[in-house]
N, C-alpha and C. Protein backbone atom coordinates (compact mmCIF):
# COMPACT_ATOMS: atom_id res chain seq x y z
N MET A 1 19.35 6.40 2.63
CA MET A 1 19.14 5.26 1.74
C MET A 1 17.65 5.07 1.46
N THR A 2 17.31 4.88 0.22
CA THR A 2 15.92 4.67 -0.15
C THR A 2 15.47 3.28 0.26
N ARG A 3 14.36 3.21 0.97
CA ARG A 3 13.81 1.93 1.41
C ARG A 3 12.48 1.67 0.70
N SER A 4 12.20 0.41 0.47
CA SER A 4 10.87 0.02 -0.01
C SER A 4 10.05 -0.41 1.20
N VAL A 5 8.90 0.22 1.39
CA VAL A 5 8.09 -0.01 2.59
C VAL A 5 6.66 -0.37 2.19
N LEU A 6 6.23 -1.54 2.58
CA LEU A 6 4.84 -1.94 2.35
C LEU A 6 3.96 -1.24 3.37
N TYR A 7 2.95 -0.52 2.90
CA TYR A 7 1.96 0.13 3.76
C TYR A 7 0.61 -0.51 3.47
N MET A 8 0.04 -1.24 4.43
CA MET A 8 -1.25 -1.87 4.21
C MET A 8 -2.07 -1.91 5.49
N SER A 9 -3.36 -1.59 5.37
CA SER A 9 -4.30 -1.81 6.46
C SER A 9 -4.77 -3.26 6.38
N MET A 10 -4.85 -3.92 7.54
CA MET A 10 -5.13 -5.35 7.55
C MET A 10 -5.99 -5.70 8.76
N SER A 11 -6.91 -6.61 8.57
CA SER A 11 -7.71 -7.11 9.69
C SER A 11 -6.85 -8.03 10.55
N LEU A 12 -7.32 -8.31 11.75
CA LEU A 12 -6.57 -9.17 12.65
C LEU A 12 -6.37 -10.57 12.08
N ASP A 13 -7.32 -11.01 11.22
CA ASP A 13 -7.17 -12.33 10.62
C ASP A 13 -6.50 -12.28 9.25
N GLY A 14 -5.83 -11.17 8.93
CA GLY A 14 -4.91 -11.15 7.80
C GLY A 14 -5.45 -10.71 6.45
N PHE A 15 -6.65 -10.12 6.43
CA PHE A 15 -7.25 -9.73 5.15
C PHE A 15 -7.12 -8.23 4.90
N ILE A 16 -6.88 -7.86 3.63
CA ILE A 16 -6.78 -6.45 3.26
C ILE A 16 -8.01 -5.96 2.50
N THR A 17 -8.91 -6.87 2.19
CA THR A 17 -10.23 -6.52 1.65
C THR A 17 -11.23 -7.50 2.24
N GLY A 18 -12.51 -7.15 2.09
CA GLY A 18 -13.55 -8.12 2.37
C GLY A 18 -13.79 -8.97 1.14
N PRO A 19 -14.77 -9.89 1.21
CA PRO A 19 -15.09 -10.71 0.04
C PRO A 19 -15.60 -9.86 -1.13
N ASP A 20 -15.40 -10.39 -2.34
CA ASP A 20 -15.96 -9.79 -3.57
C ASP A 20 -15.40 -8.40 -3.85
N ASP A 21 -14.10 -8.20 -3.59
CA ASP A 21 -13.48 -6.92 -3.91
C ASP A 21 -13.24 -6.82 -5.41
N GLY A 22 -13.05 -5.62 -5.89
CA GLY A 22 -12.77 -5.41 -7.30
C GLY A 22 -13.05 -3.98 -7.70
N PRO A 23 -12.80 -3.63 -8.97
CA PRO A 23 -12.99 -2.25 -9.42
C PRO A 23 -14.39 -1.69 -9.16
N GLU A 24 -15.39 -2.55 -9.20
CA GLU A 24 -16.75 -2.07 -8.97
C GLU A 24 -17.18 -2.21 -7.51
N ASN A 25 -16.34 -2.81 -6.70
CA ASN A 25 -16.71 -3.02 -5.29
C ASN A 25 -15.55 -2.69 -4.36
N GLY A 26 -14.64 -1.86 -4.80
CA GLY A 26 -13.57 -1.34 -3.97
C GLY A 26 -12.91 -2.36 -3.07
N LEU A 27 -13.13 -2.20 -1.76
CA LEU A 27 -12.50 -3.03 -0.75
C LEU A 27 -13.35 -4.24 -0.36
N GLY A 28 -14.39 -4.53 -1.14
CA GLY A 28 -15.20 -5.70 -0.86
C GLY A 28 -16.17 -5.49 0.29
N ALA A 29 -16.91 -6.53 0.61
CA ALA A 29 -17.92 -6.47 1.67
C ALA A 29 -17.26 -6.27 3.02
N GLY A 30 -17.52 -5.15 3.66
CA GLY A 30 -16.97 -4.86 4.98
C GLY A 30 -15.56 -4.32 4.98
N GLY A 31 -14.93 -4.24 3.82
CA GLY A 31 -13.53 -3.85 3.75
C GLY A 31 -13.27 -2.38 4.04
N GLU A 32 -14.28 -1.53 3.86
CA GLU A 32 -14.08 -0.10 4.12
C GLU A 32 -13.68 0.15 5.58
N ALA A 33 -14.09 -0.74 6.47
CA ALA A 33 -13.75 -0.58 7.90
C ALA A 33 -12.25 -0.61 8.14
N LEU A 34 -11.49 -1.22 7.22
CA LEU A 34 -10.04 -1.30 7.38
C LEU A 34 -9.37 0.06 7.25
N HIS A 35 -10.05 1.01 6.61
CA HIS A 35 -9.45 2.33 6.38
C HIS A 35 -10.16 3.43 7.16
N ALA A 36 -11.03 3.05 8.08
CA ALA A 36 -11.76 4.05 8.86
C ALA A 36 -10.81 4.94 9.66
N TRP A 37 -9.68 4.39 10.09
CA TRP A 37 -8.73 5.17 10.90
C TRP A 37 -8.18 6.38 10.13
N LEU A 38 -8.26 6.33 8.81
CA LEU A 38 -7.79 7.44 7.98
C LEU A 38 -8.81 8.57 7.85
N PHE A 39 -10.04 8.32 8.27
CA PHE A 39 -11.09 9.29 7.99
C PHE A 39 -11.95 9.64 9.20
N ASP A 40 -11.67 9.03 10.35
CA ASP A 40 -12.52 9.24 11.53
C ASP A 40 -11.93 10.19 12.56
N GLY A 41 -10.80 10.82 12.26
CA GLY A 41 -10.13 11.65 13.25
C GLY A 41 -10.39 13.14 13.07
N ASP A 42 -9.67 13.93 13.84
CA ASP A 42 -9.85 15.38 13.84
C ASP A 42 -8.75 16.14 13.11
N ASN A 43 -7.71 15.44 12.64
CA ASN A 43 -6.57 16.10 12.01
C ASN A 43 -6.63 15.92 10.50
N GLU A 44 -6.79 17.02 9.78
CA GLU A 44 -7.00 16.97 8.33
C GLU A 44 -5.67 17.06 7.59
N VAL A 45 -5.52 16.17 6.60
CA VAL A 45 -4.32 16.15 5.76
C VAL A 45 -4.79 15.95 4.32
N ARG A 46 -4.28 16.78 3.41
CA ARG A 46 -4.60 16.65 1.99
C ARG A 46 -3.45 15.97 1.29
N ALA A 47 -3.78 14.94 0.49
CA ALA A 47 -2.73 14.11 -0.10
C ALA A 47 -2.56 14.33 -1.60
N GLY A 48 -3.62 14.25 -2.37
CA GLY A 48 -3.53 14.36 -3.82
C GLY A 48 -4.89 14.43 -4.44
N ALA A 49 -4.91 14.70 -5.74
CA ALA A 49 -6.17 14.89 -6.44
C ALA A 49 -7.06 13.66 -6.40
N GLY A 50 -6.45 12.47 -6.44
CA GLY A 50 -7.24 11.26 -6.50
C GLY A 50 -7.49 10.61 -5.16
N VAL A 51 -7.06 11.25 -4.09
CA VAL A 51 -7.18 10.66 -2.76
C VAL A 51 -8.11 11.52 -1.91
N PRO A 52 -9.07 10.91 -1.22
CA PRO A 52 -9.94 11.71 -0.35
C PRO A 52 -9.14 12.42 0.73
N VAL A 53 -9.68 13.51 1.24
CA VAL A 53 -9.04 14.22 2.33
C VAL A 53 -8.94 13.30 3.54
N ILE A 54 -7.75 13.20 4.11
CA ILE A 54 -7.51 12.35 5.27
C ILE A 54 -7.87 13.12 6.53
N ARG A 55 -8.57 12.46 7.44
CA ARG A 55 -8.87 13.02 8.76
C ARG A 55 -8.57 11.93 9.78
N THR A 56 -7.42 12.03 10.40
CA THR A 56 -6.96 10.95 11.26
C THR A 56 -6.73 11.45 12.68
N SER A 57 -6.45 10.53 13.57
CA SER A 57 -6.21 10.87 14.97
C SER A 57 -4.81 11.46 15.14
N ALA A 58 -4.59 12.12 16.24
CA ALA A 58 -3.26 12.68 16.53
C ALA A 58 -2.22 11.57 16.62
N ALA A 59 -2.59 10.42 17.16
CA ALA A 59 -1.64 9.31 17.29
C ALA A 59 -1.22 8.74 15.94
N SER A 60 -2.15 8.74 14.97
CA SER A 60 -1.85 8.20 13.64
C SER A 60 -1.20 9.22 12.72
N LEU A 61 -1.21 10.48 13.11
CA LEU A 61 -0.72 11.55 12.24
C LEU A 61 0.73 11.35 11.79
N PRO A 62 1.66 10.94 12.67
CA PRO A 62 3.04 10.72 12.20
C PRO A 62 3.13 9.65 11.10
N VAL A 63 2.29 8.63 11.18
CA VAL A 63 2.29 7.57 10.17
C VAL A 63 1.80 8.12 8.84
N VAL A 64 0.75 8.93 8.87
CA VAL A 64 0.23 9.54 7.65
C VAL A 64 1.29 10.44 7.02
N HIS A 65 1.98 11.23 7.83
CA HIS A 65 3.03 12.10 7.29
C HIS A 65 4.16 11.28 6.67
N GLU A 66 4.50 10.15 7.26
CA GLU A 66 5.51 9.27 6.68
C GLU A 66 5.05 8.75 5.31
N MET A 67 3.81 8.34 5.23
CA MET A 67 3.28 7.83 3.97
C MET A 67 3.37 8.89 2.88
N LEU A 68 2.99 10.11 3.22
CA LEU A 68 2.95 11.18 2.23
C LEU A 68 4.33 11.74 1.93
N ALA A 69 5.34 11.35 2.71
CA ALA A 69 6.71 11.78 2.44
C ALA A 69 7.42 10.83 1.49
N THR A 70 6.79 9.69 1.14
CA THR A 70 7.41 8.76 0.22
C THR A 70 7.52 9.39 -1.17
N GLY A 71 8.54 8.96 -1.93
CA GLY A 71 8.83 9.61 -3.21
C GLY A 71 8.35 8.86 -4.43
N ALA A 72 7.79 7.68 -4.25
CA ALA A 72 7.26 6.89 -5.37
C ALA A 72 6.34 5.82 -4.80
N VAL A 73 5.49 5.28 -5.66
CA VAL A 73 4.58 4.21 -5.28
C VAL A 73 4.78 3.04 -6.23
N LEU A 74 4.90 1.84 -5.67
CA LEU A 74 4.90 0.60 -6.46
C LEU A 74 3.67 -0.18 -6.05
N THR A 75 2.78 -0.42 -6.99
CA THR A 75 1.51 -1.05 -6.68
C THR A 75 1.20 -2.14 -7.68
N GLY A 76 0.38 -3.09 -7.26
CA GLY A 76 -0.11 -4.10 -8.18
C GLY A 76 -1.23 -3.56 -9.04
N ARG A 77 -1.44 -4.20 -10.17
CA ARG A 77 -2.48 -3.75 -11.11
C ARG A 77 -3.87 -3.85 -10.50
N ARG A 78 -4.13 -4.90 -9.74
CA ARG A 78 -5.45 -5.07 -9.15
C ARG A 78 -5.76 -3.94 -8.17
N THR A 79 -4.79 -3.61 -7.31
CA THR A 79 -4.96 -2.51 -6.36
C THR A 79 -5.14 -1.19 -7.09
N PHE A 80 -4.33 -0.97 -8.10
CA PHE A 80 -4.40 0.26 -8.90
C PHE A 80 -5.77 0.42 -9.55
N ASP A 81 -6.27 -0.66 -10.17
CA ASP A 81 -7.56 -0.60 -10.84
C ASP A 81 -8.70 -0.42 -9.84
N ALA A 82 -8.62 -1.12 -8.69
CA ALA A 82 -9.68 -0.99 -7.68
C ALA A 82 -9.76 0.43 -7.15
N ALA A 83 -8.61 1.11 -7.09
CA ALA A 83 -8.56 2.50 -6.62
C ALA A 83 -8.77 3.49 -7.77
N ARG A 84 -9.07 2.96 -8.96
CA ARG A 84 -9.23 3.78 -10.18
C ARG A 84 -8.02 4.68 -10.40
N GLY A 85 -6.87 4.11 -10.10
CA GLY A 85 -5.61 4.79 -10.35
C GLY A 85 -5.42 6.06 -9.55
N TRP A 86 -6.19 6.20 -8.47
CA TRP A 86 -6.13 7.41 -7.63
C TRP A 86 -6.24 8.68 -8.46
N GLY A 87 -6.97 8.58 -9.57
CA GLY A 87 -7.13 9.74 -10.43
C GLY A 87 -5.83 10.19 -11.08
N GLY A 88 -4.82 9.31 -11.08
CA GLY A 88 -3.53 9.66 -11.66
C GLY A 88 -2.57 10.30 -10.70
N ASP A 89 -2.98 10.51 -9.45
CA ASP A 89 -2.10 11.17 -8.47
C ASP A 89 -2.32 10.54 -7.11
N HIS A 90 -1.43 9.61 -6.72
CA HIS A 90 -1.57 8.98 -5.41
C HIS A 90 -1.34 9.99 -4.29
N HIS A 91 -0.27 10.74 -4.38
CA HIS A 91 -0.01 11.85 -3.46
C HIS A 91 1.13 12.70 -4.00
N ASN A 92 0.92 13.98 -4.00
CA ASN A 92 1.96 14.95 -4.34
C ASN A 92 2.61 14.73 -5.69
N GLY A 93 1.90 14.09 -6.61
CA GLY A 93 2.41 13.91 -7.97
C GLY A 93 3.56 12.93 -8.11
N VAL A 94 3.76 12.03 -7.13
CA VAL A 94 4.91 11.12 -7.19
C VAL A 94 4.73 10.07 -8.29
N HIS A 95 5.85 9.49 -8.70
CA HIS A 95 5.86 8.44 -9.71
C HIS A 95 5.10 7.23 -9.20
N ILE A 96 4.27 6.63 -10.07
CA ILE A 96 3.52 5.42 -9.73
C ILE A 96 3.93 4.32 -10.69
N GLU A 97 4.53 3.28 -10.17
CA GLU A 97 4.93 2.11 -10.94
C GLU A 97 3.86 1.04 -10.72
N VAL A 98 3.21 0.60 -11.80
CA VAL A 98 2.10 -0.35 -11.71
C VAL A 98 2.56 -1.70 -12.23
N LEU A 99 2.73 -2.66 -11.34
CA LEU A 99 3.16 -4.00 -11.73
C LEU A 99 2.01 -4.72 -12.42
N THR A 100 2.24 -5.18 -13.64
CA THR A 100 1.16 -5.76 -14.43
C THR A 100 1.68 -6.88 -15.32
N ARG A 101 0.78 -7.71 -15.80
CA ARG A 101 1.14 -8.75 -16.75
C ARG A 101 0.74 -8.36 -18.18
N THR A 102 -0.10 -7.33 -18.30
CA THR A 102 -0.61 -6.93 -19.62
C THR A 102 -0.43 -5.43 -19.81
N GLU A 103 -0.30 -5.02 -21.03
CA GLU A 103 -0.17 -3.60 -21.34
C GLU A 103 -1.50 -2.90 -21.08
N PRO A 104 -1.46 -1.61 -20.73
CA PRO A 104 -2.71 -0.89 -20.46
C PRO A 104 -3.54 -0.69 -21.72
N GLY A 105 -4.85 -0.67 -21.54
CA GLY A 105 -5.76 -0.41 -22.65
C GLY A 105 -6.14 1.07 -22.71
N ALA A 106 -6.94 1.39 -23.68
CA ALA A 106 -7.33 2.79 -23.89
C ALA A 106 -8.11 3.35 -22.71
N ASP A 107 -8.82 2.50 -21.99
CA ASP A 107 -9.65 2.97 -20.87
C ASP A 107 -8.91 2.97 -19.54
N ASP A 108 -7.68 2.50 -19.51
CA ASP A 108 -6.92 2.46 -18.26
C ASP A 108 -6.38 3.84 -17.91
N VAL A 109 -6.24 4.09 -16.62
CA VAL A 109 -5.75 5.39 -16.16
C VAL A 109 -4.33 5.61 -16.64
N GLN A 110 -4.11 6.74 -17.27
CA GLN A 110 -2.79 7.11 -17.77
C GLN A 110 -2.39 8.44 -17.14
N GLY A 111 -1.15 8.80 -17.30
CA GLY A 111 -0.69 10.08 -16.79
C GLY A 111 0.81 10.16 -16.83
N PRO A 112 1.37 11.36 -16.73
CA PRO A 112 2.82 11.52 -16.84
C PRO A 112 3.59 10.85 -15.71
N SER A 113 2.94 10.61 -14.59
CA SER A 113 3.65 9.99 -13.46
C SER A 113 3.39 8.50 -13.35
N ILE A 114 2.64 7.92 -14.29
CA ILE A 114 2.25 6.50 -14.22
C ILE A 114 3.03 5.69 -15.24
N ARG A 115 3.59 4.57 -14.79
CA ARG A 115 4.27 3.65 -15.69
C ARG A 115 3.78 2.23 -15.41
N TYR A 116 3.28 1.56 -16.44
CA TYR A 116 2.87 0.17 -16.33
C TYR A 116 4.10 -0.71 -16.56
N ALA A 117 4.39 -1.59 -15.60
CA ALA A 117 5.62 -2.38 -15.61
C ALA A 117 5.29 -3.85 -15.81
N ALA A 118 5.66 -4.38 -16.97
CA ALA A 118 5.42 -5.79 -17.26
C ALA A 118 6.71 -6.60 -17.26
N ASP A 119 7.80 -6.01 -16.73
CA ASP A 119 9.10 -6.69 -16.79
C ASP A 119 9.56 -7.22 -15.44
N GLY A 120 8.63 -7.39 -14.49
CA GLY A 120 8.96 -8.07 -13.25
C GLY A 120 9.19 -7.15 -12.07
N ILE A 121 9.14 -7.76 -10.89
CA ILE A 121 9.20 -7.00 -9.64
C ILE A 121 10.55 -6.33 -9.43
N GLU A 122 11.65 -7.00 -9.79
CA GLU A 122 12.97 -6.41 -9.56
C GLU A 122 13.15 -5.13 -10.38
N ALA A 123 12.80 -5.18 -11.66
CA ALA A 123 12.95 -4.01 -12.52
C ALA A 123 12.01 -2.89 -12.08
N ALA A 124 10.78 -3.25 -11.72
CA ALA A 124 9.81 -2.24 -11.28
C ALA A 124 10.28 -1.56 -10.00
N MET A 125 10.82 -2.34 -9.06
CA MET A 125 11.31 -1.77 -7.81
C MET A 125 12.52 -0.87 -8.07
N ALA A 126 13.41 -1.28 -8.95
CA ALA A 126 14.58 -0.47 -9.26
C ALA A 126 14.16 0.89 -9.82
N ARG A 127 13.17 0.90 -10.70
CA ARG A 127 12.71 2.18 -11.26
C ARG A 127 12.03 3.03 -10.20
N ALA A 128 11.22 2.38 -9.34
CA ALA A 128 10.53 3.12 -8.29
C ALA A 128 11.54 3.76 -7.34
N LYS A 129 12.59 3.02 -6.98
CA LYS A 129 13.61 3.58 -6.08
C LYS A 129 14.37 4.72 -6.75
N ALA A 130 14.64 4.57 -8.04
CA ALA A 130 15.33 5.65 -8.75
C ALA A 130 14.45 6.90 -8.80
N ALA A 131 13.15 6.71 -9.01
CA ALA A 131 12.24 7.85 -9.07
C ALA A 131 12.08 8.50 -7.70
N ALA A 132 12.18 7.71 -6.63
CA ALA A 132 11.99 8.24 -5.27
C ALA A 132 13.18 9.07 -4.81
N GLY A 133 14.34 8.90 -5.43
CA GLY A 133 15.52 9.65 -5.02
C GLY A 133 15.97 9.22 -3.63
N ASP A 134 16.03 10.17 -2.70
CA ASP A 134 16.46 9.84 -1.33
C ASP A 134 15.28 9.58 -0.40
N ARG A 135 14.08 9.47 -0.98
CA ARG A 135 12.89 9.18 -0.18
C ARG A 135 12.52 7.70 -0.34
N ASP A 136 11.59 7.24 0.49
CA ASP A 136 11.18 5.84 0.46
C ASP A 136 10.19 5.58 -0.67
N VAL A 137 10.05 4.31 -1.02
CA VAL A 137 9.03 3.84 -1.96
C VAL A 137 7.90 3.22 -1.17
N MET A 138 6.68 3.66 -1.42
CA MET A 138 5.49 3.06 -0.80
C MET A 138 5.04 1.89 -1.66
N VAL A 139 4.91 0.72 -1.06
CA VAL A 139 4.48 -0.48 -1.77
C VAL A 139 3.05 -0.80 -1.36
N HIS A 140 2.21 -1.15 -2.35
CA HIS A 140 0.80 -1.48 -2.13
C HIS A 140 0.47 -2.81 -2.80
N GLY A 141 -0.44 -3.56 -2.19
CA GLY A 141 -1.02 -4.72 -2.85
C GLY A 141 -0.48 -6.06 -2.35
N ALA A 142 -1.37 -7.04 -2.29
CA ALA A 142 -1.00 -8.35 -1.75
C ALA A 142 -0.02 -9.09 -2.65
N THR A 143 -0.34 -9.20 -3.93
CA THR A 143 0.54 -9.93 -4.83
C THR A 143 1.90 -9.24 -4.94
N THR A 144 1.89 -7.91 -5.01
CA THR A 144 3.14 -7.16 -5.09
C THR A 144 3.98 -7.38 -3.84
N ALA A 145 3.34 -7.38 -2.68
CA ALA A 145 4.06 -7.63 -1.42
C ALA A 145 4.68 -9.02 -1.42
N GLN A 146 3.92 -10.01 -1.84
CA GLN A 146 4.44 -11.38 -1.85
C GLN A 146 5.60 -11.53 -2.83
N LEU A 147 5.46 -10.95 -4.02
CA LEU A 147 6.54 -11.03 -5.02
C LEU A 147 7.80 -10.32 -4.52
N ALA A 148 7.61 -9.16 -3.89
CA ALA A 148 8.76 -8.39 -3.39
C ALA A 148 9.47 -9.13 -2.28
N LEU A 149 8.72 -9.75 -1.39
CA LEU A 149 9.34 -10.55 -0.33
C LEU A 149 10.12 -11.72 -0.91
N GLN A 150 9.51 -12.43 -1.84
CA GLN A 150 10.15 -13.61 -2.42
C GLN A 150 11.40 -13.24 -3.22
N ALA A 151 11.39 -12.02 -3.82
CA ALA A 151 12.54 -11.58 -4.61
C ALA A 151 13.60 -10.88 -3.76
N GLY A 152 13.31 -10.63 -2.49
CA GLY A 152 14.26 -9.98 -1.61
C GLY A 152 14.41 -8.50 -1.84
N VAL A 153 13.35 -7.85 -2.37
CA VAL A 153 13.44 -6.41 -2.66
C VAL A 153 12.50 -5.57 -1.79
N LEU A 154 11.93 -6.17 -0.75
CA LEU A 154 11.11 -5.42 0.19
C LEU A 154 11.90 -5.19 1.47
N ASP A 155 12.08 -3.93 1.87
CA ASP A 155 12.93 -3.60 3.01
C ASP A 155 12.17 -3.56 4.33
N GLU A 156 10.96 -3.01 4.32
CA GLU A 156 10.19 -2.87 5.55
C GLU A 156 8.71 -3.13 5.29
N ILE A 157 8.01 -3.47 6.36
CA ILE A 157 6.57 -3.72 6.32
C ILE A 157 5.91 -2.86 7.38
N GLN A 158 4.96 -2.06 6.97
CA GLN A 158 4.19 -1.29 7.94
C GLN A 158 2.72 -1.72 7.83
N ILE A 159 2.26 -2.39 8.86
CA ILE A 159 0.89 -2.90 8.91
C ILE A 159 0.07 -2.00 9.82
N HIS A 160 -1.07 -1.57 9.30
CA HIS A 160 -2.04 -0.84 10.11
C HIS A 160 -3.11 -1.87 10.49
N GLN A 161 -2.93 -2.45 11.67
CA GLN A 161 -3.77 -3.58 12.07
C GLN A 161 -5.04 -3.08 12.74
N VAL A 162 -6.15 -3.44 12.14
CA VAL A 162 -7.46 -2.98 12.60
C VAL A 162 -8.10 -4.09 13.45
N PRO A 163 -8.68 -3.75 14.60
CA PRO A 163 -9.28 -4.77 15.46
C PRO A 163 -10.62 -5.26 14.90
N LEU A 164 -10.50 -6.09 13.89
CA LEU A 164 -11.65 -6.60 13.16
C LEU A 164 -11.31 -7.97 12.59
N LEU A 165 -12.24 -8.91 12.72
CA LEU A 165 -12.10 -10.21 12.07
C LEU A 165 -13.05 -10.22 10.88
N LEU A 166 -12.50 -10.11 9.66
CA LEU A 166 -13.34 -10.07 8.47
C LEU A 166 -13.87 -11.46 8.09
N GLY A 167 -13.13 -12.51 8.43
CA GLY A 167 -13.59 -13.86 8.16
C GLY A 167 -13.28 -14.37 6.77
N ALA A 168 -13.18 -13.46 5.81
CA ALA A 168 -12.88 -13.83 4.42
C ALA A 168 -12.45 -12.58 3.68
N GLY A 169 -11.86 -12.78 2.50
CA GLY A 169 -11.41 -11.65 1.71
C GLY A 169 -10.08 -11.97 1.06
N ARG A 170 -9.29 -10.94 0.79
CA ARG A 170 -7.99 -11.11 0.16
C ARG A 170 -6.91 -11.12 1.23
N SER A 171 -6.18 -12.21 1.32
CA SER A 171 -5.12 -12.36 2.31
C SER A 171 -3.89 -11.57 1.87
N LEU A 172 -3.29 -10.83 2.80
CA LEU A 172 -2.13 -10.02 2.43
C LEU A 172 -0.94 -10.88 2.05
N PHE A 173 -0.64 -11.89 2.83
CA PHE A 173 0.59 -12.64 2.59
C PHE A 173 0.37 -14.01 1.96
N GLY A 174 -0.88 -14.48 1.89
CA GLY A 174 -1.14 -15.74 1.23
C GLY A 174 -0.24 -16.85 1.74
N THR A 175 0.29 -17.64 0.81
CA THR A 175 1.22 -18.71 1.13
C THR A 175 2.56 -18.36 0.51
N LEU A 176 3.49 -17.88 1.32
CA LEU A 176 4.77 -17.40 0.80
C LEU A 176 5.72 -18.53 0.43
N GLY A 177 5.55 -19.69 1.06
CA GLY A 177 6.38 -20.83 0.70
C GLY A 177 7.68 -20.96 1.47
N SER A 178 8.11 -19.90 2.16
CA SER A 178 9.33 -19.98 2.96
C SER A 178 9.26 -18.93 4.05
N PRO A 179 10.01 -19.10 5.15
CA PRO A 179 9.97 -18.13 6.24
C PRO A 179 10.63 -16.81 5.84
N HIS A 180 10.12 -15.73 6.42
CA HIS A 180 10.71 -14.40 6.22
C HIS A 180 10.79 -13.73 7.58
N PRO A 181 11.93 -13.83 8.27
CA PRO A 181 12.05 -13.25 9.60
C PRO A 181 11.98 -11.73 9.56
N LEU A 182 11.39 -11.16 10.62
CA LEU A 182 11.19 -9.72 10.71
C LEU A 182 11.72 -9.21 12.04
N GLU A 183 12.08 -7.94 12.06
CA GLU A 183 12.46 -7.26 13.30
C GLU A 183 11.47 -6.14 13.56
N LEU A 184 10.83 -6.16 14.72
CA LEU A 184 9.87 -5.12 15.07
C LEU A 184 10.61 -3.82 15.36
N LEU A 185 10.25 -2.76 14.65
CA LEU A 185 10.89 -1.46 14.82
C LEU A 185 10.06 -0.49 15.65
N ARG A 186 8.72 -0.60 15.55
CA ARG A 186 7.89 0.40 16.21
C ARG A 186 6.46 -0.11 16.35
N VAL A 187 5.82 0.29 17.43
CA VAL A 187 4.40 0.04 17.64
C VAL A 187 3.75 1.36 18.05
N ILE A 188 2.69 1.75 17.34
CA ILE A 188 1.92 2.93 17.72
C ILE A 188 0.48 2.49 17.93
N ASP A 189 0.00 2.64 19.14
CA ASP A 189 -1.39 2.31 19.45
C ASP A 189 -2.23 3.56 19.25
N ALA A 190 -3.17 3.52 18.31
CA ALA A 190 -3.99 4.68 17.97
C ALA A 190 -5.46 4.27 17.96
N PRO A 191 -6.37 5.24 18.02
CA PRO A 191 -7.80 4.90 17.97
C PRO A 191 -8.15 4.10 16.72
N GLY A 192 -8.67 2.90 16.93
CA GLY A 192 -9.14 2.07 15.82
C GLY A 192 -8.07 1.35 15.04
N VAL A 193 -6.80 1.47 15.45
CA VAL A 193 -5.73 0.84 14.67
C VAL A 193 -4.46 0.75 15.51
N THR A 194 -3.66 -0.28 15.24
CA THR A 194 -2.32 -0.37 15.80
C THR A 194 -1.35 -0.39 14.64
N HIS A 195 -0.41 0.55 14.62
CA HIS A 195 0.57 0.66 13.55
C HIS A 195 1.82 -0.14 13.93
N LEU A 196 2.14 -1.13 13.13
CA LEU A 196 3.28 -2.03 13.37
C LEU A 196 4.28 -1.88 12.25
N ARG A 197 5.51 -1.53 12.59
CA ARG A 197 6.54 -1.37 11.57
C ARG A 197 7.65 -2.39 11.80
N TYR A 198 7.99 -3.15 10.72
CA TYR A 198 8.98 -4.20 10.80
C TYR A 198 10.07 -3.99 9.74
N ARG A 199 11.28 -4.44 10.06
CA ARG A 199 12.34 -4.54 9.06
C ARG A 199 12.37 -5.99 8.59
N VAL A 200 12.52 -6.18 7.28
CA VAL A 200 12.66 -7.52 6.72
C VAL A 200 14.12 -7.92 6.84
N LEU A 201 14.39 -9.02 7.55
CA LEU A 201 15.75 -9.48 7.77
C LEU A 201 16.17 -10.41 6.65
N ARG A 202 17.41 -10.26 6.22
CA ARG A 202 17.90 -11.11 5.12
C ARG A 202 19.18 -11.82 5.54
């Protein structure tokens, strides 16, 4: 069964970027530290044309392989733009569904695997799952995560929790407005990060 899985690196105080993030400032002030676990190890993994070569620890390697085994990506427009669309290839040429409120302009990243979705989270998730086939959908972005939780279309959450207090930045879950119970499925303690995987209970 195809699952939708949120994959996000997060500080201990709940931020996925530092302050002043955006297309010209990536992950914001201090935010690059949230992804150091992907680049500070000895195990090299190549993901796609638009993604830097991953060098992670042996403990984190199974998580990286899971991420790269996903069959589609559903991301928010802000995350997509900040990453410059991963050069049109997040990993292995998979379909990228970009949740947006506006149609893309001439300067926005385009490509055969990219679709800008202005018809809501449910429709975007349905297309991403169809494109993924029997593989999982990787979900990215704070607003996308919140919308997916509120709409009941997010199946699992995988947090890469970094031992860092950023103090400010973009909150992953913001104010959801209602409880969302979770079941802990797995904990992996790795250098510089703890990987936490949860099932969203409905």
